[in-house]
Amino acid sequence: AFHPDPAALLNDAPEAGPTAWPTPEDAYATAPGITYEIAWTAST
Protein backbone atom coordinates (compact mmCIF):
# COMPACT_ATOMS: atom_id res chain seq x y z
CA ALA A 1 0.00 0.00 0.00
CA PHE A 2 1.19 3.49 -0.73
CA HIS A 3 1.16 6.55 1.48
CA PRO A 4 -1.27 9.16 0.20
CA ASP A 5 -0.18 12.25 -1.62
CA PRO A 6 -0.02 15.02 1.04
CA ALA A 7 -2.06 17.28 -1.27
CA ALA A 8 -4.86 14.67 -1.24
CA LEU A 9 -5.06 14.94 2.54
CA LEU A 10 -6.28 18.50 2.15
CA ASN A 11 -8.68 17.68 -0.66
CA ASP A 12 -12.27 17.12 0.41
CA ALA A 13 -13.34 15.87 -3.01
CA PRO A 14 -14.71 12.31 -3.08
CA GLU A 15 -12.08 11.28 -5.59
CA ALA A 16 -9.44 11.99 -2.95
CA GLY A 17 -10.38 8.68 -1.36
CA PRO A 18 -10.46 7.86 2.33
CA THR A 19 -7.68 10.36 3.01
CA ALA A 20 -10.34 13.07 2.80
CA TRP A 21 -11.21 12.39 6.44
CA PRO A 22 -9.89 15.09 8.75
CA THR A 23 -7.02 14.35 11.06
CA PRO A 24 -7.95 13.85 14.70
CA GLU A 25 -6.16 17.11 15.52
CA ASP A 26 -8.31 19.02 13.06
CA ALA A 27 -11.54 17.23 13.94
CA TYR A 28 -11.20 17.70 17.68
CA ALA A 29 -9.40 21.07 17.70
CA THR A 30 -12.26 22.82 19.52
CA ALA A 31 -13.59 19.81 21.42
CA PRO A 32 -14.07 20.11 25.17
CA GLY A 33 -11.71 18.12 27.37
CA ILE A 34 -12.19 14.38 27.58
CA THR A 35 -13.22 14.57 31.24
CA TYR A 36 -15.95 17.08 30.40
CA GLU A 37 -17.20 14.92 27.53
CA ILE A 38 -17.28 11.84 29.77
CA ALA A 39 -19.41 13.77 32.27
CA TRP A 40 -21.72 15.10 29.54
CA THR A 41 -22.13 11.66 27.97
CA ALA A 42 -22.82 9.99 31.33
CA SER A 43 -25.32 12.69 32.33
CA THR A 44 -27.13 12.39 29.01
PDB file of all heavy atoms in Angstrom:
ATOM      1  N   ALA A   1       0.864  -1.179   0.000  1.00  0.00           N
ATOM      2  CA  ALA A   1       0.000   0.000   0.000  1.00  0.00           C
ATOM      3  C   ALA A   1       0.900   1.227   0.000  1.00  0.00           C
ATOM      4  O   ALA A   1       2.017   1.203   0.520  1.00  0.00           O
ATOM      5  CB  ALA A   1      -0.904  -0.007   1.218  1.00  0.00           C
ATOM      6  N   PHE A   2       0.382   2.284  -0.571  1.00  0.00           N
ATOM      7  CA  PHE A   2       1.186   3.493  -0.727  1.00  0.00           C
ATOM      8  C   PHE A   2       0.650   4.613   0.132  1.00  0.00           C
ATOM      9  O   PHE A   2      -0.572   4.762   0.290  1.00  0.00           O
ATOM     10  CB  PHE A   2       1.203   3.906  -2.204  1.00  0.00           C
ATOM     11  CG  PHE A   2       1.789   2.842  -3.071  1.00  0.00           C
ATOM     12  CD1 PHE A   2       0.966   1.898  -3.674  1.00  0.00           C
ATOM     13  CD2 PHE A   2       3.152   2.750  -3.241  1.00  0.00           C
ATOM     14  CE1 PHE A   2       1.508   0.890  -4.453  1.00  0.00           C
ATOM     15  CE2 PHE A   2       3.704   1.744  -4.023  1.00  0.00           C
ATOM     16  CZ  PHE A   2       2.874   0.807  -4.625  1.00  0.00           C
ATOM     17  N   HIS A   3       1.553   5.383   0.705  1.00  0.00           N
ATOM     18  CA  HIS A   3       1.161   6.548   1.485  1.00  0.00           C
ATOM     19  C   HIS A   3       0.473   7.545   0.565  1.00  0.00           C
ATOM     20  O   HIS A   3       0.875   7.713  -0.589  1.00  0.00           O
ATOM     21  CB  HIS A   3       2.379   7.202   2.149  1.00  0.00           C
ATOM     22  CG  HIS A   3       2.998   6.347   3.189  1.00  0.00           C
ATOM     23  ND1 HIS A   3       2.452   6.191   4.426  1.00  0.00           N
ATOM     24  CD2 HIS A   3       4.110   5.568   3.163  1.00  0.00           C
ATOM     25  CE1 HIS A   3       3.204   5.369   5.135  1.00  0.00           C
ATOM     26  NE2 HIS A   3       4.219   4.976   4.390  1.00  0.00           N
ATOM     27  N   PRO A   4      -0.552   8.217   1.066  1.00  0.00           N
ATOM     28  CA  PRO A   4      -1.268   9.158   0.202  1.00  0.00           C
ATOM     29  C   PRO A   4      -0.431  10.377  -0.128  1.00  0.00           C
ATOM     30  O   PRO A   4       0.480  10.742   0.605  1.00  0.00           O
ATOM     31  CB  PRO A   4      -2.482   9.545   1.039  1.00  0.00           C
ATOM     32  CG  PRO A   4      -2.054   9.309   2.447  1.00  0.00           C
ATOM     33  CD  PRO A   4      -1.095   8.151   2.402  1.00  0.00           C
ATOM     34  N   ASP A   5      -0.770  10.986  -1.228  1.00  0.00           N
ATOM     35  CA  ASP A   5      -0.176  12.254  -1.619  1.00  0.00           C
ATOM     36  C   ASP A   5      -0.588  13.299  -0.577  1.00  0.00           C
ATOM     37  O   ASP A   5      -1.774  13.439  -0.286  1.00  0.00           O
ATOM     38  CB  ASP A   5      -0.707  12.628  -2.999  1.00  0.00           C
ATOM     39  CG  ASP A   5      -0.248  13.986  -3.476  1.00  0.00           C
ATOM     40  OD1 ASP A   5       0.561  14.645  -2.780  1.00  0.00           O
ATOM     41  OD2 ASP A   5      -0.701  14.404  -4.547  1.00  0.00           O
ATOM     42  N   PRO A   6       0.354  14.034   0.027  1.00  0.00           N
ATOM     43  CA  PRO A   6      -0.021  15.022   1.044  1.00  0.00           C
ATOM     44  C   PRO A   6      -1.066  16.025   0.548  1.00  0.00           C
ATOM     45  O   PRO A   6      -1.901  16.473   1.318  1.00  0.00           O
ATOM     46  CB  PRO A   6       1.297  15.727   1.377  1.00  0.00           C
ATOM     47  CG  PRO A   6       2.349  14.732   1.018  1.00  0.00           C
ATOM     48  CD  PRO A   6       1.800  13.956  -0.147  1.00  0.00           C
ATOM     49  N   ALA A   7      -1.061  16.346  -0.747  1.00  0.00           N
ATOM     50  CA  ALA A   7      -2.063  17.276  -1.272  1.00  0.00           C
ATOM     51  C   ALA A   7      -3.452  16.667  -1.183  1.00  0.00           C
ATOM     52  O   ALA A   7      -4.438  17.370  -0.978  1.00  0.00           O
ATOM     53  CB  ALA A   7      -1.739  17.643  -2.714  1.00  0.00           C
ATOM     54  N   ALA A   8      -3.555  15.336  -1.315  1.00  0.00           N
ATOM     55  CA  ALA A   8      -4.862  14.672  -1.240  1.00  0.00           C
ATOM     56  C   ALA A   8      -5.435  14.745   0.161  1.00  0.00           C
ATOM     57  O   ALA A   8      -6.647  14.703   0.338  1.00  0.00           O
ATOM     58  CB  ALA A   8      -4.734  13.227  -1.692  1.00  0.00           C
ATOM     59  N   LEU A   9      -4.565  14.844   1.169  1.00  0.00           N
ATOM     60  CA  LEU A   9      -5.056  14.939   2.540  1.00  0.00           C
ATOM     61  C   LEU A   9      -5.877  16.206   2.756  1.00  0.00           C
ATOM     62  O   LEU A   9      -6.761  16.240   3.607  1.00  0.00           O
ATOM     63  CB  LEU A   9      -3.894  14.909   3.532  1.00  0.00           C
ATOM     64  CG  LEU A   9      -3.136  13.598   3.615  1.00  0.00           C
ATOM     65  CD1 LEU A   9      -1.910  13.769   4.491  1.00  0.00           C
ATOM     66  CD2 LEU A   9      -4.018  12.488   4.123  1.00  0.00           C
ATOM     67  N   LEU A  10      -5.577  17.236   1.998  1.00  0.00           N
ATOM     68  CA  LEU A  10      -6.284  18.498   2.154  1.00  0.00           C
ATOM     69  C   LEU A  10      -7.489  18.591   1.235  1.00  0.00           C
ATOM     70  O   LEU A  10      -8.287  19.506   1.337  1.00  0.00           O
ATOM     71  CB  LEU A  10      -5.331  19.665   1.866  1.00  0.00           C
ATOM     72  CG  LEU A  10      -4.100  19.710   2.756  1.00  0.00           C
ATOM     73  CD1 LEU A  10      -3.176  20.825   2.298  1.00  0.00           C
ATOM     74  CD2 LEU A  10      -4.495  19.894   4.209  1.00  0.00           C
ATOM     75  N   ASN A  11      -7.627  17.639   0.346  1.00  0.00           N
ATOM     76  CA  ASN A  11      -8.677  17.683  -0.659  1.00  0.00           C
ATOM     77  C   ASN A  11      -9.923  17.002  -0.127  1.00  0.00           C
ATOM     78  O   ASN A  11      -9.894  15.847   0.248  1.00  0.00           O
ATOM     79  CB  ASN A  11      -8.164  16.968  -1.917  1.00  0.00           C
ATOM     80  CG  ASN A  11      -9.128  17.078  -3.058  1.00  0.00           C
ATOM     81  OD1 ASN A  11     -10.251  17.550  -2.891  1.00  0.00           O
ATOM     82  ND2 ASN A  11      -8.705  16.632  -4.211  1.00  0.00           N
ATOM     83  N   ASP A  12     -11.024  17.695  -0.082  1.00  0.00           N
ATOM     84  CA  ASP A  12     -12.273  17.123   0.408  1.00  0.00           C
ATOM     85  C   ASP A  12     -13.092  16.489  -0.704  1.00  0.00           C
ATOM     86  O   ASP A  12     -14.211  16.063  -0.474  1.00  0.00           O
ATOM     87  CB  ASP A  12     -13.117  18.191   1.100  1.00  0.00           C
ATOM     88  CG  ASP A  12     -12.607  18.496   2.483  1.00  0.00           C
ATOM     89  OD1 ASP A  12     -11.848  17.697   3.043  1.00  0.00           O
ATOM     90  OD2 ASP A  12     -12.987  19.545   3.004  1.00  0.00           O
ATOM     91  N   ALA A  13     -12.579  16.442  -1.907  1.00  0.00           N
ATOM     92  CA  ALA A  13     -13.341  15.867  -3.011  1.00  0.00           C
ATOM     93  C   ALA A  13     -13.434  14.359  -2.839  1.00  0.00           C
ATOM     94  O   ALA A  13     -12.494  13.728  -2.381  1.00  0.00           O
ATOM     95  CB  ALA A  13     -12.650  16.195  -4.336  1.00  0.00           C
ATOM     96  N   PRO A  14     -14.560  13.757  -3.222  1.00  0.00           N
ATOM     97  CA  PRO A  14     -14.706  12.314  -3.076  1.00  0.00           C
ATOM     98  C   PRO A  14     -13.625  11.509  -3.783  1.00  0.00           C
ATOM     99  O   PRO A  14     -13.236  10.472  -3.309  1.00  0.00           O
ATOM    100  CB  PRO A  14     -16.081  12.031  -3.684  1.00  0.00           C
ATOM    101  CG  PRO A  14     -16.825  13.311  -3.542  1.00  0.00           C
ATOM    102  CD  PRO A  14     -15.782  14.394  -3.678  1.00  0.00           C
ATOM    103  N   GLU A  15     -13.109  12.029  -4.885  1.00  0.00           N
ATOM    104  CA  GLU A  15     -12.083  11.283  -5.591  1.00  0.00           C
ATOM    105  C   GLU A  15     -10.765  11.245  -4.822  1.00  0.00           C
ATOM    106  O   GLU A  15      -9.864  10.505  -5.169  1.00  0.00           O
ATOM    107  CB  GLU A  15     -11.865  11.819  -7.007  1.00  0.00           C
ATOM    108  CG  GLU A  15     -11.479  13.263  -7.084  1.00  0.00           C
ATOM    109  CD  GLU A  15     -12.684  14.204  -7.127  1.00  0.00           C
ATOM    110  OE1 GLU A  15     -13.818  13.800  -6.824  1.00  0.00           O
ATOM    111  OE2 GLU A  15     -12.487  15.375  -7.452  1.00  0.00           O
ATOM    112  N   ALA A  16     -10.649  12.021  -3.759  1.00  0.00           N
ATOM    113  CA  ALA A  16      -9.435  11.990  -2.950  1.00  0.00           C
ATOM    114  C   ALA A  16      -9.333  10.699  -2.155  1.00  0.00           C
ATOM    115  O   ALA A  16      -8.293  10.384  -1.630  1.00  0.00           O
ATOM    116  CB  ALA A  16      -9.396  13.178  -1.989  1.00  0.00           C
ATOM    117  N   GLY A  17     -10.404   9.947  -2.078  1.00  0.00           N
ATOM    118  CA  GLY A  17     -10.378   8.680  -1.362  1.00  0.00           C
ATOM    119  C   GLY A  17     -10.498   8.882   0.131  1.00  0.00           C
ATOM    120  O   GLY A  17     -10.786   9.970   0.613  1.00  0.00           O
ATOM    121  N   PRO A  18     -10.265   7.807   0.898  1.00  0.00           N
ATOM    122  CA  PRO A  18     -10.457   7.859   2.331  1.00  0.00           C
ATOM    123  C   PRO A  18      -9.582   8.872   3.041  1.00  0.00           C
ATOM    124  O   PRO A  18      -9.830   9.211   4.174  1.00  0.00           O
ATOM    125  CB  PRO A  18     -10.128   6.444   2.791  1.00  0.00           C
ATOM    126  CG  PRO A  18     -10.080   5.608   1.583  1.00  0.00           C
ATOM    127  CD  PRO A  18      -9.907   6.516   0.414  1.00  0.00           C
ATOM    128  N   THR A  19      -8.533   9.377   2.374  1.00  0.00           N
ATOM    129  CA  THR A  19      -7.677  10.361   3.013  1.00  0.00           C
ATOM    130  C   THR A  19      -8.391  11.696   3.189  1.00  0.00           C
ATOM    131  O   THR A  19      -7.859  12.599   3.800  1.00  0.00           O
ATOM    132  CB  THR A  19      -6.390  10.573   2.191  1.00  0.00           C
ATOM    133  OG1 THR A  19      -6.763  10.975   0.880  1.00  0.00           O
ATOM    134  CG2 THR A  19      -5.555   9.311   2.156  1.00  0.00           C
ATOM    135  N   ALA A  20      -9.599  11.818   2.651  1.00  0.00           N
ATOM    136  CA  ALA A  20     -10.344  13.066   2.801  1.00  0.00           C
ATOM    137  C   ALA A  20     -10.849  13.255   4.226  1.00  0.00           C
ATOM    138  O   ALA A  20     -11.300  14.338   4.563  1.00  0.00           O
ATOM    139  CB  ALA A  20     -11.526  13.096   1.823  1.00  0.00           C
ATOM    140  N   TRP A  21     -10.784  12.223   5.061  1.00  0.00           N
ATOM    141  CA  TRP A  21     -11.209  12.391   6.443  1.00  0.00           C
ATOM    142  C   TRP A  21     -10.256  13.354   7.148  1.00  0.00           C
ATOM    143  O   TRP A  21      -9.061  13.341   6.899  1.00  0.00           O
ATOM    144  CB  TRP A  21     -11.182  11.053   7.180  1.00  0.00           C
ATOM    145  CG  TRP A  21     -12.016   9.973   6.575  1.00  0.00           C
ATOM    146  CD1 TRP A  21     -11.572   8.757   6.163  1.00  0.00           C
ATOM    147  CD2 TRP A  21     -13.422   9.989   6.320  1.00  0.00           C
ATOM    148  NE1 TRP A  21     -12.623   8.025   5.666  1.00  0.00           N
ATOM    149  CE2 TRP A  21     -13.768   8.751   5.748  1.00  0.00           C
ATOM    150  CE3 TRP A  21     -14.429  10.928   6.511  1.00  0.00           C
ATOM    151  CZ2 TRP A  21     -15.069   8.423   5.378  1.00  0.00           C
ATOM    152  CZ3 TRP A  21     -15.722  10.604   6.140  1.00  0.00           C
ATOM    153  CH2 TRP A  21     -16.031   9.371   5.584  1.00  0.00           C
ATOM    154  N   PRO A  22     -10.777  14.173   8.040  1.00  0.00           N
ATOM    155  CA  PRO A  22      -9.886  15.091   8.750  1.00  0.00           C
ATOM    156  C   PRO A  22      -8.994  14.337   9.736  1.00  0.00           C
ATOM    157  O   PRO A  22      -9.345  13.249  10.189  1.00  0.00           O
ATOM    158  CB  PRO A  22     -10.858  16.019   9.500  1.00  0.00           C
ATOM    159  CG  PRO A  22     -12.122  15.252   9.618  1.00  0.00           C
ATOM    160  CD  PRO A  22     -12.173  14.336   8.424  1.00  0.00           C
ATOM    161  N   THR A  23      -7.881  14.939  10.036  1.00  0.00           N
ATOM    162  CA  THR A  23      -7.018  14.348  11.058  1.00  0.00           C
ATOM    163  C   THR A  23      -7.707  14.502  12.408  1.00  0.00           C
ATOM    164  O   THR A  23      -8.550  15.401  12.586  1.00  0.00           O
ATOM    165  CB  THR A  23      -5.659  15.073  11.121  1.00  0.00           C
ATOM    166  OG1 THR A  23      -5.877  16.417  11.545  1.00  0.00           O
ATOM    167  CG2 THR A  23      -4.947  15.034   9.777  1.00  0.00           C
ATOM    168  N   PRO A  24      -7.363  13.672  13.370  1.00  0.00           N
ATOM    169  CA  PRO A  24      -7.945  13.852  14.703  1.00  0.00           C
ATOM    170  C   PRO A  24      -7.677  15.247  15.273  1.00  0.00           C
ATOM    171  O   PRO A  24      -8.547  15.842  15.910  1.00  0.00           O
ATOM    172  CB  PRO A  24      -7.260  12.772  15.543  1.00  0.00           C
ATOM    173  CG  PRO A  24      -6.878  11.718  14.557  1.00  0.00           C
ATOM    174  CD  PRO A  24      -6.542  12.472  13.289  1.00  0.00           C
ATOM    175  N   GLU A  25      -6.495  15.766  15.013  1.00  0.00           N
ATOM    176  CA  GLU A  25      -6.160  17.106  15.524  1.00  0.00           C
ATOM    177  C   GLU A  25      -7.095  18.163  14.958  1.00  0.00           C
ATOM    178  O   GLU A  25      -7.535  19.065  15.677  1.00  0.00           O
ATOM    179  CB  GLU A  25      -4.696  17.460  15.200  1.00  0.00           C
ATOM    180  CG  GLU A  25      -3.678  16.574  15.877  1.00  0.00           C
ATOM    181  CD  GLU A  25      -3.482  15.210  15.190  1.00  0.00           C
ATOM    182  OE1 GLU A  25      -3.907  15.034  14.030  1.00  0.00           O
ATOM    183  OE2 GLU A  25      -2.921  14.323  15.840  1.00  0.00           O
ATOM    184  N   ASP A  26      -7.399  18.056  13.676  1.00  0.00           N
ATOM    185  CA  ASP A  26      -8.308  19.020  13.059  1.00  0.00           C
ATOM    186  C   ASP A  26      -9.748  18.797  13.516  1.00  0.00           C
ATOM    187  O   ASP A  26     -10.465  19.743  13.807  1.00  0.00           O
ATOM    188  CB  ASP A  26      -8.242  18.921  11.532  1.00  0.00           C
ATOM    189  CG  ASP A  26      -6.940  19.451  10.966  1.00  0.00           C
ATOM    190  OD1 ASP A  26      -6.255  20.226  11.654  1.00  0.00           O
ATOM    191  OD2 ASP A  26      -6.598  19.073   9.824  1.00  0.00           O
ATOM    192  N   ALA A  27     -10.158  17.538  13.577  1.00  0.00           N
ATOM    193  CA  ALA A  27     -11.544  17.231  13.939  1.00  0.00           C
ATOM    194  C   ALA A  27     -11.873  17.663  15.356  1.00  0.00           C
ATOM    195  O   ALA A  27     -12.960  18.177  15.623  1.00  0.00           O
ATOM    196  CB  ALA A  27     -11.804  15.737  13.776  1.00  0.00           C
ATOM    197  N   TYR A  28     -10.925  17.455  16.264  1.00  0.00           N
ATOM    198  CA  TYR A  28     -11.203  17.704  17.683  1.00  0.00           C
ATOM    199  C   TYR A  28     -10.517  18.962  18.216  1.00  0.00           C
ATOM    200  O   TYR A  28     -10.367  19.129  19.426  1.00  0.00           O
ATOM    201  CB  TYR A  28     -10.791  16.478  18.503  1.00  0.00           C
ATOM    202  CG  TYR A  28     -11.463  15.207  18.034  1.00  0.00           C
ATOM    203  CD1 TYR A  28     -10.725  14.065  17.754  1.00  0.00           C
ATOM    204  CD2 TYR A  28     -12.840  15.149  17.847  1.00  0.00           C
ATOM    205  CE1 TYR A  28     -11.343  12.895  17.314  1.00  0.00           C
ATOM    206  CE2 TYR A  28     -13.469  13.988  17.405  1.00  0.00           C
ATOM    207  CZ  TYR A  28     -12.713  12.877  17.146  1.00  0.00           C
ATOM    208  OH  TYR A  28     -13.325  11.722  16.714  1.00  0.00           O
ATOM    209  N   ALA A  29     -10.132  19.855  17.307  1.00  0.00           N
ATOM    210  CA  ALA A  29      -9.403  21.067  17.705  1.00  0.00           C
ATOM    211  C   ALA A  29     -10.164  21.904  18.717  1.00  0.00           C
ATOM    212  O   ALA A  29      -9.567  22.483  19.628  1.00  0.00           O
ATOM    213  CB  ALA A  29      -9.070  21.908  16.477  1.00  0.00           C
ATOM    214  N   THR A  30     -11.467  21.986  18.600  1.00  0.00           N
ATOM    215  CA  THR A  30     -12.259  22.819  19.517  1.00  0.00           C
ATOM    216  C   THR A  30     -13.081  21.984  20.497  1.00  0.00           C
ATOM    217  O   THR A  30     -13.937  22.531  21.192  1.00  0.00           O
ATOM    218  CB  THR A  30     -13.212  23.720  18.711  1.00  0.00           C
ATOM    219  OG1 THR A  30     -14.112  22.894  17.957  1.00  0.00           O
ATOM    220  CG2 THR A  30     -12.439  24.648  17.779  1.00  0.00           C
ATOM    221  N   ALA A  31     -12.811  20.692  20.544  1.00  0.00           N
ATOM    222  CA  ALA A  31     -13.592  19.810  21.425  1.00  0.00           C
ATOM    223  C   ALA A  31     -13.291  20.103  22.891  1.00  0.00           C
ATOM    224  O   ALA A  31     -12.156  20.415  23.252  1.00  0.00           O
ATOM    225  CB  ALA A  31     -13.264  18.356  21.119  1.00  0.00           C
ATOM    226  N   PRO A  32     -14.314  19.983  23.730  1.00  0.00           N
ATOM    227  CA  PRO A  32     -14.066  20.113  25.175  1.00  0.00           C
ATOM    228  C   PRO A  32     -13.127  19.002  25.639  1.00  0.00           C
ATOM    229  O   PRO A  32     -12.940  17.997  24.936  1.00  0.00           O
ATOM    230  CB  PRO A  32     -15.454  19.938  25.803  1.00  0.00           C
ATOM    231  CG  PRO A  32     -16.425  20.106  24.697  1.00  0.00           C
ATOM    232  CD  PRO A  32     -15.708  19.737  23.432  1.00  0.00           C
ATOM    233  N   GLY A  33     -12.590  19.146  26.824  1.00  0.00           N
ATOM    234  CA  GLY A  33     -11.706  18.122  27.373  1.00  0.00           C
ATOM    235  C   GLY A  33     -12.414  16.781  27.494  1.00  0.00           C
ATOM    236  O   GLY A  33     -13.643  16.712  27.614  1.00  0.00           O
ATOM    237  N   ILE A  34     -11.629  15.723  27.500  1.00  0.00           N
ATOM    238  CA  ILE A  34     -12.192  14.376  27.581  1.00  0.00           C
ATOM    239  C   ILE A  34     -12.989  14.196  28.863  1.00  0.00           C
ATOM    240  O   ILE A  34     -14.069  13.595  28.848  1.00  0.00           O
ATOM    241  CB  ILE A  34     -11.083  13.319  27.429  1.00  0.00           C
ATOM    242  CG1 ILE A  34     -10.631  13.260  25.957  1.00  0.00           C
ATOM    243  CG2 ILE A  34     -11.551  11.943  27.893  1.00  0.00           C
ATOM    244  CD1 ILE A  34      -9.532  12.284  25.669  1.00  0.00           C
ATOM    245  N   THR A  35     -12.504  14.709  29.974  1.00  0.00           N
ATOM    246  CA  THR A  35     -13.225  14.569  31.240  1.00  0.00           C
ATOM    247  C   THR A  35     -14.596  15.225  31.152  1.00  0.00           C
ATOM    248  O   THR A  35     -15.596  14.658  31.608  1.00  0.00           O
ATOM    249  CB  THR A  35     -12.404  15.174  32.392  1.00  0.00           C
ATOM    250  OG1 THR A  35     -11.113  14.555  32.420  1.00  0.00           O
ATOM    251  CG2 THR A  35     -13.099  14.979  33.727  1.00  0.00           C
ATOM    252  N   TYR A  36     -14.661  16.404  30.571  1.00  0.00           N
ATOM    253  CA  TYR A  36     -15.949  17.081  30.400  1.00  0.00           C
ATOM    254  C   TYR A  36     -16.884  16.255  29.525  1.00  0.00           C
ATOM    255  O   TYR A  36     -18.067  16.108  29.835  1.00  0.00           O
ATOM    256  CB  TYR A  36     -15.734  18.469  29.774  1.00  0.00           C
ATOM    257  CG  TYR A  36     -17.045  19.182  29.521  1.00  0.00           C
ATOM    258  CD1 TYR A  36     -17.641  19.928  30.525  1.00  0.00           C
ATOM    259  CD2 TYR A  36     -17.685  19.076  28.293  1.00  0.00           C
ATOM    260  CE1 TYR A  36     -18.856  20.575  30.303  1.00  0.00           C
ATOM    261  CE2 TYR A  36     -18.902  19.708  28.065  1.00  0.00           C
ATOM    262  CZ  TYR A  36     -19.474  20.451  29.071  1.00  0.00           C
ATOM    263  OH  TYR A  36     -20.685  21.072  28.855  1.00  0.00           O
ATOM    264  N   GLU A  37     -16.364  15.710  28.434  1.00  0.00           N
ATOM    265  CA  GLU A  37     -17.205  14.921  27.527  1.00  0.00           C
ATOM    266  C   GLU A  37     -17.684  13.624  28.189  1.00  0.00           C
ATOM    267  O   GLU A  37     -18.802  13.185  27.941  1.00  0.00           O
ATOM    268  CB  GLU A  37     -16.470  14.619  26.226  1.00  0.00           C
ATOM    269  CG  GLU A  37     -16.370  15.811  25.295  1.00  0.00           C
ATOM    270  CD  GLU A  37     -17.728  16.287  24.785  1.00  0.00           C
ATOM    271  OE1 GLU A  37     -18.367  17.101  25.477  1.00  0.00           O
ATOM    272  OE2 GLU A  37     -18.151  15.841  23.703  1.00  0.00           O
ATOM    273  N   ILE A  38     -16.847  13.025  29.033  1.00  0.00           N
ATOM    274  CA  ILE A  38     -17.282  11.840  29.771  1.00  0.00           C
ATOM    275  C   ILE A  38     -18.458  12.214  30.671  1.00  0.00           C
ATOM    276  O   ILE A  38     -19.469  11.506  30.717  1.00  0.00           O
ATOM    277  CB  ILE A  38     -16.125  11.230  30.593  1.00  0.00           C
ATOM    278  CG1 ILE A  38     -15.098  10.593  29.660  1.00  0.00           C
ATOM    279  CG2 ILE A  38     -16.658  10.213  31.613  1.00  0.00           C
ATOM    280  CD1 ILE A  38     -13.812  10.165  30.353  1.00  0.00           C
ATOM    281  N   ALA A  39     -18.330  13.328  31.385  1.00  0.00           N
ATOM    282  CA  ALA A  39     -19.410  13.768  32.275  1.00  0.00           C
ATOM    283  C   ALA A  39     -20.676  14.075  31.481  1.00  0.00           C
ATOM    284  O   ALA A  39     -21.786  13.692  31.893  1.00  0.00           O
ATOM    285  CB  ALA A  39     -18.960  14.984  33.076  1.00  0.00           C
ATOM    286  N   TRP A  40     -20.542  14.771  30.354  1.00  0.00           N
ATOM    287  CA  TRP A  40     -21.716  15.104  29.541  1.00  0.00           C
ATOM    288  C   TRP A  40     -22.392  13.839  29.023  1.00  0.00           C
ATOM    289  O   TRP A  40     -23.610  13.710  29.071  1.00  0.00           O
ATOM    290  CB  TRP A  40     -21.310  16.004  28.370  1.00  0.00           C
ATOM    291  CG  TRP A  40     -22.481  16.427  27.541  1.00  0.00           C
ATOM    292  CD1 TRP A  40     -23.254  17.540  27.713  1.00  0.00           C
ATOM    293  CD2 TRP A  40     -23.050  15.719  26.423  1.00  0.00           C
ATOM    294  NE1 TRP A  40     -24.254  17.561  26.773  1.00  0.00           N
ATOM    295  CE2 TRP A  40     -24.159  16.464  25.969  1.00  0.00           C
ATOM    296  CE3 TRP A  40     -22.735  14.536  25.776  1.00  0.00           C
ATOM    297  CZ2 TRP A  40     -24.944  16.070  24.902  1.00  0.00           C
ATOM    298  CZ3 TRP A  40     -23.513  14.129  24.703  1.00  0.00           C
ATOM    299  CH2 TRP A  40     -24.607  14.890  24.274  1.00  0.00           C
ATOM    300  N   THR A  41     -21.588  12.899  28.516  1.00  0.00           N
ATOM    301  CA  THR A  41     -22.133  11.659  27.975  1.00  0.00           C
ATOM    302  C   THR A  41     -22.828  10.847  29.067  1.00  0.00           C
ATOM    303  O   THR A  41     -23.927  10.327  28.859  1.00  0.00           O
ATOM    304  CB  THR A  41     -21.018  10.820  27.309  1.00  0.00           C
ATOM    305  OG1 THR A  41     -20.384  11.618  26.305  1.00  0.00           O
ATOM    306  CG2 THR A  41     -21.554   9.562  26.671  1.00  0.00           C
ATOM    307  N   ALA A  42     -22.213  10.745  30.231  1.00  0.00           N
ATOM    308  CA  ALA A  42     -22.823   9.991  31.334  1.00  0.00           C
ATOM    309  C   ALA A  42     -24.115  10.653  31.795  1.00  0.00           C
ATOM    310  O   ALA A  42     -25.119   9.968  32.035  1.00  0.00           O
ATOM    311  CB  ALA A  42     -21.837   9.878  32.495  1.00  0.00           C
ATOM    312  N   SER A  43     -24.113  11.966  31.906  1.00  0.00           N
ATOM    313  CA  SER A  43     -25.319  12.689  32.326  1.00  0.00           C
ATOM    314  C   SER A  43     -26.443  12.497  31.316  1.00  0.00           C
ATOM    315  O   SER A  43     -27.600  12.244  31.692  1.00  0.00           O
ATOM    316  CB  SER A  43     -24.994  14.179  32.482  1.00  0.00           C
ATOM    317  OG  SER A  43     -26.169  14.904  32.738  1.00  0.00           O
ATOM    318  N   THR A  44     -26.122  12.580  30.052  1.00  0.00           N
ATOM    319  CA  THR A  44     -27.130  12.392  29.012  1.00  0.00           C
ATOM    320  C   THR A  44     -27.647  10.958  29.011  1.00  0.00           C
ATOM    321  O   THR A  44     -28.851  10.725  28.865  1.00  0.00           O
ATOM    322  CB  THR A  44     -26.550  12.765  27.631  1.00  0.00           C
ATOM    323  OG1 THR A  44     -26.075  14.118  27.690  1.00  0.00           O
ATOM    324  CG2 THR A  44     -27.591  12.640  26.538  1.00  0.00           C
TER     325      THR A  44
END
